[in-house]
Protein backbone atom coordinates (compact mmCIF):
# COMPACT_ATOMS: atom_id res chain seq x y z
CA MET A 1 0.11 0.12 -0.07
CA GLU A 2 3.39 2.76 0.72
CA GLU A 3 4.21 1.72 -2.71
CA LYS A 4 1.29 3.63 -4.37
CA ILE A 5 0.86 6.29 -1.94
CA GLU A 6 4.13 6.90 -2.99
CA LYS A 7 3.68 6.69 -6.83
CA ALA A 8 0.94 8.83 -6.63
CA ILE A 9 2.73 11.48 -4.53
CA GLU A 10 4.91 11.85 -6.93
CA TYR A 11 2.13 12.22 -9.60
CA TYR A 12 0.78 14.92 -7.80
CA ASN A 13 4.70 16.53 -7.34
CA PHE A 14 5.33 16.24 -11.49
CA LYS A 15 1.67 17.53 -11.92
CA SER A 16 1.89 20.28 -9.81
CA LYS A 17 5.91 21.36 -11.20
CA LYS A 18 4.28 21.12 -13.85
CA MET A 19 1.70 23.63 -13.58
CA LEU A 20 3.96 25.82 -11.61
CA ASP A 21 6.13 26.07 -14.76
CA PHE A 22 3.66 27.13 -17.19
CA ILE A 23 2.58 29.75 -15.24
CA ASN A 24 6.11 31.30 -14.66
CA SER A 25 6.47 30.90 -18.58
CA SER A 26 3.75 32.17 -19.25
CA ASN A 27 3.49 36.03 -19.85
CA ASN A 28 0.22 36.43 -21.66
CA LEU A 29 -2.24 34.84 -18.85
CA THR A 30 -5.56 36.19 -18.33
CA VAL A 31 -7.12 36.74 -14.71
CA ASP A 32 -9.64 33.45 -15.23
CA GLN A 33 -6.60 31.38 -15.83
CA ILE A 34 -4.37 32.46 -12.79
CA ILE A 35 -7.38 31.71 -10.51
CA GLU A 36 -8.20 28.84 -12.05
CA SER A 37 -4.31 27.35 -12.24
CA GLY A 38 -3.99 28.93 -8.29
CA GLU A 39 -7.03 26.41 -7.20
CA GLU A 40 -5.60 23.25 -9.39
CA LEU A 41 -2.11 24.02 -7.68
CA ALA A 42 -4.24 23.74 -4.17
CA ILE A 43 -6.32 20.65 -5.14
CA LEU A 44 -2.71 19.28 -5.83
CA GLU A 45 -1.14 20.21 -2.44
CA TYR A 46 -4.42 19.63 -0.12
CA LYS A 47 -3.96 15.93 -2.05
CA ILE A 48 0.41 15.25 -1.51
CA THR A 49 0.06 16.51 2.07
CA ALA A 50 -2.87 13.83 2.69
CA LEU A 51 -1.63 11.27 1.11
CA GLU A 52 1.85 12.08 2.94
CA ALA A 53 0.02 11.75 6.50
CA ALA A 54 -2.07 8.40 5.18
CA LYS A 55 2.11 7.93 4.56
CA GLU A 56 2.85 8.37 8.16
CA ASN A 57 -0.02 6.50 9.58
């Protein structure tokens, strides 16, 4: 089970980094795109935190 959690953490970290790279490399994002990206990042970070907590237990 711990292996599945670790793979999920890796996946969500990858998705989070990809989203951050997209945001940081874009010069012409609209306000809506910035808000959507922030919401998606928040969801990813929440999932990572929850998985890390589950891994510790």
